[in-house]
Amino acid sequence: MRRLKPAKPHAKRQIDQALQLMRQARKLLREAGAPKATRKINYAIHSAEGARRHCDRRPMISEP
């Protein structure tokens, strides 16, 4: 198995913020009656959740 590239300290916060914004967008799209766009944002959310899990496994580095 390959070594995981170290993550920067702010990476988790950025992913979490992106997830929060995508969830807000999904809610608004649902309310607007846009099922195709809602499905696509769901795929993006699932992908970002996978990135978050991957980030959890990566070693952290400190920024200079």
C-alpha atoms as a PDB file:
ATOM      1  CA  MET A   1       0.000   0.000   0.000  1.00  0.00           C
ATOM      2  CA  ARG A   2       1.263   3.472  -0.880  1.00  0.00           C
ATOM      3  CA  ARG A   3       2.103   6.007   1.787  1.00  0.00           C
ATOM      4  CA  LEU A   4      -0.556   8.656   2.263  1.00  0.00           C
ATOM      5  CA  LYS A   5       0.377  12.231   1.484  1.00  0.00           C
ATOM      6  CA  PRO A   6       0.282  14.361   4.657  1.00  0.00           C
ATOM      7  CA  ALA A   7      -2.690  16.694   5.081  1.00  0.00           C
ATOM      8  CA  LYS A   8      -2.473  20.343   5.992  1.00  0.00           C
ATOM      9  CA  PRO A   9      -4.163  21.344   9.268  1.00  0.00           C
ATOM     10  CA  HIS A  10      -6.869  23.415   7.571  1.00  0.00           C
ATOM     11  CA  ALA A  11      -7.894  20.638   5.138  1.00  0.00           C
ATOM     12  CA  LYS A  12     -10.509  19.115   7.473  1.00  0.00           C
ATOM     13  CA  ARG A  13     -12.066  22.505   8.193  1.00  0.00           C
ATOM     14  CA  GLN A  14     -12.270  23.289   4.491  1.00  0.00           C
ATOM     15  CA  ILE A  15     -13.919  19.964   3.679  1.00  0.00           C
ATOM     16  CA  ASP A  16     -16.378  20.395   6.547  1.00  0.00           C
ATOM     17  CA  GLN A  17     -17.249  23.898   5.344  1.00  0.00           C
ATOM     18  CA  ALA A  18     -17.775  22.643   1.782  1.00  0.00           C
ATOM     19  CA  LEU A  19     -20.051  19.864   3.088  1.00  0.00           C
ATOM     20  CA  GLN A  20     -22.091  22.370   5.069  1.00  0.00           C
ATOM     21  CA  LEU A  21     -22.553  24.599   2.015  1.00  0.00           C
ATOM     22  CA  MET A  22     -23.471  21.661  -0.226  1.00  0.00           C
ATOM     23  CA  ARG A  23     -26.090  20.493   2.282  1.00  0.00           C
ATOM     24  CA  GLN A  24     -27.586  23.990   2.291  1.00  0.00           C
ATOM     25  CA  ALA A  25     -27.617  23.982  -1.509  1.00  0.00           C
ATOM     26  CA  ARG A  26     -29.289  20.554  -1.541  1.00  0.00           C
ATOM     27  CA  LYS A  27     -32.037  21.820   0.758  1.00  0.00           C
ATOM     28  CA  LEU A  28     -32.644  24.871  -1.423  1.00  0.00           C
ATOM     29  CA  LEU A  29     -32.660  22.805  -4.618  1.00  0.00           C
ATOM     30  CA  ARG A  30     -35.150  20.384  -3.084  1.00  0.00           C
ATOM     31  CA  GLU A  31     -37.420  23.278  -2.097  1.00  0.00           C
ATOM     32  CA  ALA A  32     -37.071  24.751  -5.594  1.00  0.00           C
ATOM     33  CA  GLY A  33     -38.255  21.492  -7.132  1.00  0.00           C
ATOM     34  CA  ALA A  34     -35.050  20.628  -8.983  1.00  0.00           C
ATOM     35  CA  PRO A  35     -34.742  16.830  -8.606  1.00  0.00           C
ATOM     36  CA  LYS A  36     -31.945  16.357 -11.155  1.00  0.00           C
ATOM     37  CA  ALA A  37     -29.760  19.029  -9.548  1.00  0.00           C
ATOM     38  CA  THR A  38     -30.571  17.593  -6.106  1.00  0.00           C
ATOM     39  CA  ARG A  39     -29.352  14.157  -7.216  1.00  0.00           C
ATOM     40  CA  LYS A  40     -26.139  15.631  -8.560  1.00  0.00           C
ATOM     41  CA  ILE A  41     -25.437  17.524  -5.342  1.00  0.00           C
ATOM     42  CA  ASN A  42     -26.087  14.292  -3.419  1.00  0.00           C
ATOM     43  CA  TYR A  43     -23.328  12.631  -5.450  1.00  0.00           C
ATOM     44  CA  ALA A  44     -21.021  15.546  -4.662  1.00  0.00           C
ATOM     45  CA  ILE A  45     -21.829  15.283  -0.941  1.00  0.00           C
ATOM     46  CA  HIS A  46     -21.050  11.558  -0.921  1.00  0.00           C
ATOM     47  CA  SER A  47     -17.765  12.243  -2.699  1.00  0.00           C
ATOM     48  CA  ALA A  48     -16.812  14.974  -0.222  1.00  0.00           C
ATOM     49  CA  GLU A  49     -17.664  12.668   2.697  1.00  0.00           C
ATOM     50  CA  GLY A  50     -15.227  10.139   1.219  1.00  0.00           C
ATOM     51  CA  ALA A  51     -12.593  12.866   0.976  1.00  0.00           C
ATOM     52  CA  ARG A  52     -13.229  13.682   4.649  1.00  0.00           C
ATOM     53  CA  ARG A  53     -12.731  10.033   5.650  1.00  0.00           C
ATOM     54  CA  HIS A  54      -9.551   9.911   3.600  1.00  0.00           C
ATOM     55  CA  CYS A  55      -8.323  13.104   5.271  1.00  0.00           C
ATOM     56  CA  ASP A  56      -8.942  11.535   8.691  1.00  0.00           C
ATOM     57  CA  ARG A  57      -6.512   8.725   7.818  1.00  0.00           C
ATOM     58  CA  ARG A  58      -3.783  11.024   6.528  1.00  0.00           C
ATOM     59  CA  PRO A  59      -0.985  12.184   8.830  1.00  0.00           C
ATOM     60  CA  MET A  60      -1.104  15.893   9.659  1.00  0.00           C
ATOM     61  CA  ILE A  61       1.722  18.312   8.959  1.00  0.00           C
ATOM     62  CA  SER A  62       2.282  21.655  10.572  1.00  0.00           C
ATOM     63  CA  GLU A  63       2.468  24.773   8.469  1.00  0.00           C
ATOM     64  CA  PRO A  64       5.608  26.924   8.796  1.00  0.00           C
END
